[in-house]
N, C-alpha and C. Protein backbone atom coordinates (compact mmCIF):
# COMPACT_ATOMS: atom_id res chain seq x y z
N MET A 1 21.23 111.58 -58.50
CA MET A 1 21.34 110.13 -58.65
C MET A 1 21.42 109.44 -57.29
N LYS A 2 22.19 110.03 -56.39
CA LYS A 2 22.34 109.46 -55.06
C LYS A 2 20.99 109.47 -54.32
N THR A 3 20.20 110.51 -54.48
CA THR A 3 18.89 110.63 -53.85
C THR A 3 17.94 109.56 -54.36
N VAL A 4 17.97 109.31 -55.66
CA VAL A 4 17.11 108.27 -56.25
C VAL A 4 17.49 106.91 -55.70
N LEU A 5 18.78 106.65 -55.55
CA LEU A 5 19.25 105.37 -55.01
C LEU A 5 18.78 105.20 -53.56
N ILE A 6 18.89 106.24 -52.75
CA ILE A 6 18.48 106.19 -51.35
C ILE A 6 16.96 105.96 -51.25
N ILE A 7 16.20 106.70 -52.05
CA ILE A 7 14.74 106.54 -52.04
C ILE A 7 14.36 105.13 -52.50
N SER A 8 15.04 104.60 -53.50
CA SER A 8 14.78 103.24 -53.98
C SER A 8 15.05 102.22 -52.89
N CYS A 9 16.17 102.38 -52.19
CA CYS A 9 16.50 101.45 -51.10
C CYS A 9 15.46 101.52 -49.99
N ILE A 10 15.02 102.72 -49.64
CA ILE A 10 14.01 102.88 -48.60
C ILE A 10 12.70 102.22 -49.04
N LEU A 11 12.29 102.41 -50.27
CA LEU A 11 11.07 101.78 -50.77
C LEU A 11 11.16 100.26 -50.75
N ILE A 12 12.31 99.73 -51.15
CA ILE A 12 12.50 98.27 -51.13
C ILE A 12 12.40 97.75 -49.70
N LEU A 13 13.01 98.45 -48.75
CA LEU A 13 12.93 98.03 -47.35
C LEU A 13 11.50 98.10 -46.83
N LEU A 14 10.78 99.16 -47.17
CA LEU A 14 9.39 99.29 -46.73
C LEU A 14 8.51 98.18 -47.30
N VAL A 15 8.67 97.88 -48.58
CA VAL A 15 7.89 96.81 -49.21
C VAL A 15 8.24 95.46 -48.58
N SER A 16 9.52 95.22 -48.34
CA SER A 16 9.94 93.96 -47.72
C SER A 16 9.38 93.83 -46.31
N PHE A 17 9.50 94.89 -45.53
CA PHE A 17 8.98 94.87 -44.17
C PHE A 17 7.47 94.72 -44.16
N GLY A 18 6.79 95.44 -45.03
CA GLY A 18 5.33 95.34 -45.13
C GLY A 18 4.88 93.94 -45.48
N GLY A 19 5.59 93.27 -46.38
CA GLY A 19 5.27 91.89 -46.75
C GLY A 19 5.42 90.95 -45.59
N CYS A 20 6.46 91.16 -44.78
CA CYS A 20 6.68 90.31 -43.60
C CYS A 20 5.57 90.51 -42.58
N VAL A 21 5.21 91.75 -42.35
CA VAL A 21 4.16 92.05 -41.37
C VAL A 21 2.82 91.49 -41.84
N MET A 22 2.52 91.63 -43.11
CA MET A 22 1.24 91.15 -43.64
C MET A 22 1.16 89.63 -43.62
N ALA A 23 2.29 88.94 -43.70
CA ALA A 23 2.30 87.48 -43.70
C ALA A 23 2.33 86.91 -42.28
N THR A 24 2.41 87.77 -41.29
CA THR A 24 2.49 87.32 -39.91
C THR A 24 1.08 87.16 -39.34
N ASP A 25 0.84 86.02 -38.74
CA ASP A 25 -0.44 85.79 -38.07
C ASP A 25 -0.23 86.08 -36.59
N PHE A 26 -0.71 87.21 -36.14
CA PHE A 26 -0.49 87.63 -34.76
C PHE A 26 -1.27 86.78 -33.76
N TYR A 27 -2.18 85.94 -34.24
CA TYR A 27 -2.97 85.10 -33.35
C TYR A 27 -2.52 83.65 -33.36
N CYS A 28 -1.43 83.38 -34.04
CA CYS A 28 -0.86 82.03 -34.05
C CYS A 28 -0.50 81.66 -32.61
N GLY A 29 -0.95 80.49 -32.16
CA GLY A 29 -0.69 80.06 -30.80
C GLY A 29 -1.74 80.49 -29.80
N LYS A 30 -2.81 81.15 -30.26
CA LYS A 30 -3.83 81.67 -29.35
C LYS A 30 -5.22 81.10 -29.59
N ARG A 31 -5.38 80.31 -30.63
CA ARG A 31 -6.69 79.74 -30.94
C ARG A 31 -6.95 78.52 -30.05
N PRO A 32 -8.21 78.10 -29.91
CA PRO A 32 -8.51 76.97 -29.02
C PRO A 32 -7.67 75.71 -29.30
N TYR A 33 -7.41 75.40 -30.56
CA TYR A 33 -6.64 74.18 -30.84
C TYR A 33 -5.17 74.32 -30.44
N ASP A 34 -4.71 75.52 -30.15
CA ASP A 34 -3.34 75.70 -29.69
C ASP A 34 -3.18 75.37 -28.21
N TYR A 35 -4.29 75.17 -27.50
CA TYR A 35 -4.25 74.88 -26.07
C TYR A 35 -4.48 73.40 -25.77
N GLY A 36 -4.48 72.56 -26.78
CA GLY A 36 -4.57 71.12 -26.58
C GLY A 36 -5.99 70.58 -26.56
N GLU A 37 -6.05 69.29 -26.36
CA GLU A 37 -7.30 68.54 -26.39
C GLU A 37 -8.23 69.02 -25.27
N ALA A 38 -9.46 69.37 -25.63
CA ALA A 38 -10.41 69.87 -24.63
C ALA A 38 -11.80 69.96 -25.23
N MET A 39 -12.76 70.15 -24.35
CA MET A 39 -14.12 70.44 -24.76
C MET A 39 -14.38 71.89 -24.38
N TRP A 40 -14.93 72.65 -25.31
CA TRP A 40 -15.28 74.05 -25.08
C TRP A 40 -16.80 74.13 -25.03
N VAL A 41 -17.33 74.68 -23.93
CA VAL A 41 -18.77 74.63 -23.67
C VAL A 41 -19.34 76.05 -23.53
N CYS A 42 -20.52 76.24 -24.11
CA CYS A 42 -21.25 77.49 -24.01
C CYS A 42 -22.62 77.17 -23.42
N GLU A 43 -23.04 77.96 -22.45
CA GLU A 43 -24.34 77.71 -21.83
C GLU A 43 -25.48 78.42 -22.54
N SER A 44 -25.21 79.62 -23.06
CA SER A 44 -26.28 80.37 -23.72
C SER A 44 -25.73 81.02 -24.98
N PRO A 45 -26.00 80.46 -26.12
CA PRO A 45 -26.85 79.31 -26.42
C PRO A 45 -26.16 78.01 -26.01
N ASP A 46 -26.93 76.95 -25.95
CA ASP A 46 -26.42 75.64 -25.59
C ASP A 46 -25.57 75.11 -26.75
N ALA A 47 -24.25 75.09 -26.56
CA ALA A 47 -23.34 74.66 -27.63
C ALA A 47 -22.05 74.13 -27.04
N TRP A 48 -21.37 73.31 -27.81
CA TRP A 48 -20.07 72.79 -27.41
C TRP A 48 -19.29 72.39 -28.65
N PHE A 49 -17.97 72.31 -28.51
CA PHE A 49 -17.14 71.72 -29.55
C PHE A 49 -15.93 71.07 -28.88
N ILE A 50 -15.38 70.09 -29.58
CA ILE A 50 -14.23 69.34 -29.05
C ILE A 50 -13.02 69.60 -29.92
N VAL A 51 -11.92 69.92 -29.28
CA VAL A 51 -10.63 69.99 -29.94
C VAL A 51 -9.98 68.64 -29.69
N GLY A 52 -9.71 67.91 -30.76
CA GLY A 52 -9.17 66.57 -30.64
C GLY A 52 -7.67 66.55 -30.39
N PRO A 53 -7.12 65.35 -30.25
CA PRO A 53 -5.68 65.21 -30.07
C PRO A 53 -4.92 65.61 -31.34
N GLU A 54 -3.61 65.73 -31.21
CA GLU A 54 -2.79 66.21 -32.33
C GLU A 54 -2.92 65.38 -33.60
N ASP A 55 -3.18 64.09 -33.49
CA ASP A 55 -3.25 63.25 -34.68
C ASP A 55 -4.68 63.18 -35.25
N ASP A 56 -5.56 64.02 -34.76
CA ASP A 56 -6.96 64.01 -35.17
C ASP A 56 -7.27 65.29 -35.95
N GLU A 57 -8.07 65.18 -37.00
CA GLU A 57 -8.45 66.35 -37.79
C GLU A 57 -9.21 67.38 -36.95
N ARG A 58 -9.85 66.92 -35.87
CA ARG A 58 -10.59 67.83 -35.00
C ARG A 58 -9.67 68.81 -34.28
N LEU A 59 -8.35 68.60 -34.36
CA LEU A 59 -7.43 69.55 -33.75
C LEU A 59 -7.59 70.92 -34.40
N ILE A 60 -7.59 70.96 -35.72
CA ILE A 60 -7.66 72.23 -36.43
C ILE A 60 -9.09 72.59 -36.82
N PHE A 61 -9.92 71.59 -37.04
CA PHE A 61 -11.32 71.83 -37.40
C PHE A 61 -12.22 71.17 -36.36
N PRO A 62 -12.37 71.81 -35.19
CA PRO A 62 -13.18 71.21 -34.13
C PRO A 62 -14.63 71.00 -34.57
N GLU A 63 -15.21 69.92 -34.07
CA GLU A 63 -16.60 69.61 -34.36
C GLU A 63 -17.42 69.74 -33.09
N GLY A 64 -18.67 70.12 -33.26
CA GLY A 64 -19.52 70.28 -32.09
C GLY A 64 -20.98 70.28 -32.45
N GLU A 65 -21.75 70.79 -31.51
CA GLU A 65 -23.19 70.79 -31.68
C GLU A 65 -23.75 72.03 -31.00
N ILE A 66 -24.76 72.60 -31.63
CA ILE A 66 -25.42 73.77 -31.08
C ILE A 66 -26.93 73.50 -31.10
N THR A 67 -27.61 73.83 -30.02
CA THR A 67 -29.04 73.56 -29.92
C THR A 67 -29.82 74.83 -30.22
N VAL A 68 -30.74 74.70 -31.15
CA VAL A 68 -31.63 75.80 -31.51
C VAL A 68 -33.05 75.27 -31.35
N GLY A 69 -33.75 75.78 -30.35
CA GLY A 69 -35.08 75.23 -30.04
C GLY A 69 -34.92 73.80 -29.56
N ASP A 70 -35.60 72.87 -30.22
CA ASP A 70 -35.49 71.45 -29.89
C ASP A 70 -34.53 70.72 -30.82
N LYS A 71 -33.88 71.45 -31.70
CA LYS A 71 -33.05 70.82 -32.74
C LYS A 71 -31.57 70.98 -32.43
N ALA A 72 -30.84 69.86 -32.46
CA ALA A 72 -29.39 69.88 -32.30
C ALA A 72 -28.75 69.91 -33.68
N ILE A 73 -27.91 70.90 -33.91
CA ILE A 73 -27.27 71.07 -35.22
C ILE A 73 -25.77 70.83 -35.07
N LYS A 74 -25.28 69.86 -35.81
CA LYS A 74 -23.85 69.57 -35.80
C LYS A 74 -23.13 70.62 -36.64
N PHE A 75 -21.92 71.00 -36.18
CA PHE A 75 -21.15 71.98 -36.93
C PHE A 75 -19.67 71.68 -36.87
N THR A 76 -18.95 72.25 -37.81
CA THR A 76 -17.49 72.26 -37.79
C THR A 76 -17.09 73.72 -37.64
N LEU A 77 -16.15 73.97 -36.77
CA LEU A 77 -15.70 75.32 -36.51
C LEU A 77 -14.33 75.51 -37.14
N SER A 78 -14.19 76.55 -37.93
CA SER A 78 -12.88 76.84 -38.51
C SER A 78 -12.50 78.27 -38.17
N PHE A 79 -11.21 78.45 -37.94
CA PHE A 79 -10.69 79.76 -37.59
C PHE A 79 -9.89 80.28 -38.77
N GLY A 80 -10.27 81.45 -39.24
CA GLY A 80 -9.57 82.06 -40.35
C GLY A 80 -8.34 82.81 -39.88
N TYR A 81 -7.73 83.47 -40.81
CA TYR A 81 -6.57 84.30 -40.52
C TYR A 81 -7.00 85.41 -39.57
N GLY A 82 -6.25 85.64 -38.55
CA GLY A 82 -6.60 86.70 -37.60
C GLY A 82 -7.64 86.23 -36.61
N VAL A 83 -8.76 86.93 -36.55
CA VAL A 83 -9.75 86.69 -35.50
C VAL A 83 -11.08 86.15 -36.00
N THR A 84 -11.15 85.67 -37.22
CA THR A 84 -12.43 85.21 -37.75
C THR A 84 -12.72 83.75 -37.40
N ALA A 85 -14.00 83.46 -37.22
CA ALA A 85 -14.47 82.10 -36.97
C ALA A 85 -15.67 81.84 -37.87
N HIS A 86 -15.76 80.60 -38.38
CA HIS A 86 -16.86 80.20 -39.25
C HIS A 86 -17.43 78.88 -38.74
N PHE A 87 -18.73 78.85 -38.54
CA PHE A 87 -19.45 77.62 -38.19
C PHE A 87 -20.07 77.12 -39.49
N THR A 88 -19.79 75.88 -39.86
CA THR A 88 -20.41 75.30 -41.05
C THR A 88 -21.18 74.06 -40.65
N ASP A 89 -22.32 73.84 -41.33
CA ASP A 89 -23.13 72.67 -41.03
C ASP A 89 -22.61 71.46 -41.79
N GLU A 90 -23.34 70.36 -41.70
CA GLU A 90 -22.90 69.11 -42.34
C GLU A 90 -22.85 69.20 -43.86
N ASN A 91 -23.53 70.18 -44.44
CA ASN A 91 -23.52 70.37 -45.90
C ASN A 91 -22.52 71.45 -46.32
N ASP A 92 -21.63 71.85 -45.42
CA ASP A 92 -20.62 72.89 -45.65
C ASP A 92 -21.22 74.28 -45.89
N ASN A 93 -22.43 74.51 -45.41
CA ASN A 93 -23.03 75.84 -45.47
C ASN A 93 -22.58 76.63 -44.24
N VAL A 94 -22.17 77.87 -44.44
CA VAL A 94 -21.80 78.72 -43.31
C VAL A 94 -23.10 79.12 -42.61
N ILE A 95 -23.21 78.74 -41.33
CA ILE A 95 -24.43 79.03 -40.57
C ILE A 95 -24.22 80.16 -39.56
N LEU A 96 -22.96 80.49 -39.32
CA LEU A 96 -22.65 81.55 -38.38
C LEU A 96 -21.20 81.98 -38.56
N ARG A 97 -20.97 83.28 -38.48
CA ARG A 97 -19.61 83.83 -38.54
C ARG A 97 -19.44 84.79 -37.37
N GLY A 98 -18.18 85.03 -37.04
CA GLY A 98 -17.93 86.02 -36.00
C GLY A 98 -16.46 86.35 -35.88
N THR A 99 -16.18 87.29 -35.00
CA THR A 99 -14.80 87.64 -34.70
C THR A 99 -14.51 87.21 -33.27
N CYS A 100 -13.31 86.75 -33.06
CA CYS A 100 -12.96 86.11 -31.79
C CYS A 100 -12.06 86.95 -30.91
N LYS A 101 -12.24 86.75 -29.62
CA LYS A 101 -11.31 87.22 -28.62
C LYS A 101 -10.81 85.95 -27.94
N TYR A 102 -9.52 85.66 -28.11
CA TYR A 102 -8.95 84.40 -27.64
C TYR A 102 -8.32 84.55 -26.26
N SER A 103 -8.41 83.48 -25.47
CA SER A 103 -7.64 83.35 -24.24
C SER A 103 -7.51 81.85 -23.96
N PRO A 104 -6.59 81.47 -23.09
CA PRO A 104 -6.39 80.03 -22.83
C PRO A 104 -7.61 79.31 -22.26
N GLU A 105 -8.49 80.02 -21.58
CA GLU A 105 -9.64 79.40 -20.92
C GLU A 105 -10.99 79.80 -21.49
N LYS A 106 -11.01 80.81 -22.37
CA LYS A 106 -12.28 81.35 -22.85
C LYS A 106 -12.14 81.78 -24.31
N LEU A 107 -13.21 81.54 -25.06
CA LEU A 107 -13.30 82.01 -26.44
C LEU A 107 -14.59 82.82 -26.54
N ILE A 108 -14.45 84.10 -26.84
CA ILE A 108 -15.63 84.96 -26.98
C ILE A 108 -15.77 85.31 -28.46
N ILE A 109 -16.89 84.93 -29.03
CA ILE A 109 -17.15 85.20 -30.45
C ILE A 109 -18.23 86.27 -30.56
N THR A 110 -17.87 87.38 -31.18
CA THR A 110 -18.85 88.43 -31.47
C THR A 110 -19.53 88.05 -32.78
N VAL A 111 -20.82 87.84 -32.71
CA VAL A 111 -21.59 87.30 -33.83
C VAL A 111 -21.75 88.35 -34.93
N ASP A 112 -21.50 87.92 -36.16
CA ASP A 112 -21.80 88.74 -37.34
C ASP A 112 -23.27 88.54 -37.64
N LYS A 113 -24.07 89.52 -37.33
CA LYS A 113 -25.53 89.40 -37.44
C LYS A 113 -26.00 89.12 -38.87
N GLU A 114 -25.25 89.57 -39.87
CA GLU A 114 -25.66 89.35 -41.26
C GLU A 114 -25.52 87.89 -41.67
N SER A 115 -24.59 87.16 -41.04
CA SER A 115 -24.40 85.75 -41.41
C SER A 115 -25.11 84.80 -40.44
N ASP A 116 -25.79 85.33 -39.46
CA ASP A 116 -26.45 84.52 -38.44
C ASP A 116 -27.67 83.81 -39.02
N MET A 117 -27.51 82.53 -39.32
CA MET A 117 -28.60 81.73 -39.86
C MET A 117 -29.30 80.91 -38.77
N LEU A 118 -28.92 81.12 -37.51
CA LEU A 118 -29.43 80.29 -36.43
C LEU A 118 -30.31 81.03 -35.43
N PHE A 119 -29.92 82.22 -35.04
CA PHE A 119 -30.53 82.85 -33.88
C PHE A 119 -31.30 84.14 -34.15
N ASP A 120 -31.41 84.54 -35.38
CA ASP A 120 -32.14 85.77 -35.74
C ASP A 120 -31.68 86.98 -34.92
N GLY A 121 -30.38 87.08 -34.70
CA GLY A 121 -29.82 88.24 -34.02
C GLY A 121 -30.00 88.27 -32.51
N ARG A 122 -30.41 87.16 -31.89
CA ARG A 122 -30.64 87.15 -30.44
C ARG A 122 -29.36 87.28 -29.63
N TYR A 123 -28.21 86.88 -30.19
CA TYR A 123 -26.96 86.90 -29.44
C TYR A 123 -25.96 87.87 -30.06
N ASP A 124 -25.41 88.73 -29.23
CA ASP A 124 -24.33 89.61 -29.68
C ASP A 124 -23.00 88.86 -29.59
N THR A 125 -22.85 88.08 -28.52
CA THR A 125 -21.63 87.29 -28.33
C THR A 125 -22.00 85.88 -27.89
N ILE A 126 -21.09 84.97 -28.18
CA ILE A 126 -21.21 83.58 -27.73
C ILE A 126 -19.90 83.28 -27.01
N THR A 127 -19.99 82.83 -25.77
CA THR A 127 -18.79 82.59 -24.97
C THR A 127 -18.64 81.11 -24.66
N PHE A 128 -17.51 80.56 -25.08
CA PHE A 128 -17.16 79.17 -24.80
C PHE A 128 -16.11 79.15 -23.69
N VAL A 129 -16.26 78.21 -22.76
CA VAL A 129 -15.31 78.04 -21.68
C VAL A 129 -14.65 76.68 -21.85
N LYS A 130 -13.34 76.64 -21.68
CA LYS A 130 -12.57 75.40 -21.86
C LYS A 130 -12.75 74.49 -20.65
N LYS A 131 -13.00 73.21 -20.94
CA LYS A 131 -13.06 72.18 -19.90
C LYS A 131 -12.22 71.00 -20.36
N ALA A 132 -11.53 70.40 -19.44
CA ALA A 132 -10.78 69.19 -19.77
C ALA A 132 -11.78 68.11 -20.15
N LEU A 133 -11.42 67.28 -21.12
CA LEU A 133 -12.34 66.23 -21.55
C LEU A 133 -12.70 65.30 -20.41
N ASP A 134 -11.76 64.96 -19.56
CA ASP A 134 -12.05 64.07 -18.43
C ASP A 134 -13.04 64.73 -17.47
N GLN A 135 -12.89 66.03 -17.20
CA GLN A 135 -13.80 66.76 -16.33
C GLN A 135 -15.20 66.77 -16.93
N GLU A 136 -15.29 67.03 -18.22
CA GLU A 136 -16.59 67.09 -18.89
C GLU A 136 -17.26 65.72 -18.88
N ARG A 137 -16.48 64.67 -19.09
CA ARG A 137 -17.05 63.30 -19.06
C ARG A 137 -17.58 62.97 -17.68
N LYS A 138 -16.83 63.38 -16.62
CA LYS A 138 -17.29 63.13 -15.25
C LYS A 138 -18.59 63.88 -14.97
N GLU A 139 -18.65 65.16 -15.38
CA GLU A 139 -19.87 65.94 -15.16
C GLU A 139 -21.05 65.34 -15.91
N THR A 140 -20.81 64.89 -17.13
CA THR A 140 -21.88 64.28 -17.93
C THR A 140 -22.35 62.98 -17.28
N SER A 141 -21.40 62.15 -16.84
CA SER A 141 -21.80 60.87 -16.23
C SER A 141 -22.49 61.11 -14.89
N THR A 142 -22.08 62.13 -14.12
CA THR A 142 -22.75 62.46 -12.86
C THR A 142 -24.17 62.92 -13.13
N THR A 143 -24.35 63.76 -14.14
CA THR A 143 -25.69 64.24 -14.51
C THR A 143 -26.56 63.08 -14.96
N GLU A 144 -26.00 62.20 -15.80
CA GLU A 144 -26.75 61.04 -16.27
C GLU A 144 -27.13 60.13 -15.10
N ALA A 145 -26.19 59.93 -14.16
CA ALA A 145 -26.46 59.07 -13.01
C ALA A 145 -27.57 59.66 -12.15
N SER A 146 -27.55 60.98 -11.94
CA SER A 146 -28.60 61.59 -11.12
C SER A 146 -29.95 61.54 -11.84
N LYS A 147 -29.95 61.66 -13.15
CA LYS A 147 -31.21 61.53 -13.90
C LYS A 147 -31.76 60.13 -13.76
N THR A 148 -30.87 59.12 -13.88
CA THR A 148 -31.29 57.72 -13.75
C THR A 148 -31.83 57.45 -12.35
N LYS A 149 -31.11 57.98 -11.33
CA LYS A 149 -31.54 57.79 -9.95
C LYS A 149 -32.91 58.45 -9.73
N SER A 150 -33.09 59.67 -10.24
CA SER A 150 -34.38 60.37 -10.10
C SER A 150 -35.49 59.59 -10.78
N ALA A 151 -35.19 59.04 -11.94
CA ALA A 151 -36.20 58.28 -12.68
C ALA A 151 -36.57 57.02 -11.94
N SER A 152 -35.58 56.33 -11.34
CA SER A 152 -35.89 55.09 -10.63
C SER A 152 -36.66 55.38 -9.33
N VAL A 153 -36.35 56.51 -8.67
CA VAL A 153 -37.09 56.90 -7.47
C VAL A 153 -38.53 57.23 -7.85
N ALA A 154 -38.70 57.95 -8.96
CA ALA A 154 -40.04 58.32 -9.41
C ALA A 154 -40.85 57.07 -9.76
N CYS A 155 -40.20 56.05 -10.31
CA CYS A 155 -40.90 54.83 -10.68
C CYS A 155 -41.31 54.05 -9.43
N GLN A 156 -40.46 54.11 -8.38
CA GLN A 156 -40.75 53.35 -7.16
C GLN A 156 -41.84 54.04 -6.33
N GLY A 157 -41.86 55.40 -6.42
CA GLY A 157 -42.73 56.22 -5.58
C GLY A 157 -44.17 55.97 -5.82
């Protein structure tokens, strides 16, 4: 009888502990939205997404754009439990899935080739680098200014 009681207590403790571990999200605090408002940029493929301020829905569901050929496709990025990421288009269709490696300055997504509706398996990973929104705006305005200057010089030439 004493053995049955001890085994029962051990089983109850194991089930309780297992439930706690299974309910724990080990990546809480490590996803891009946990690092504050920013723009995350990828050069290859050409893509970006913005994590909005705390009072904005874009904090948890960042929105962005990815270029495929000559077409810009808007997407919403959602992070699942653990390391999963889902890109959905404007019609809520999943266009890309992957598993993430998180860091404060970089997000590396290993592409799930079976769900890749964009690139036909051309990319194994997609790497986003965090940029402050002010820095990204300055770079964009500098690029736009140089394009305008080049265009006006070409027109005068």
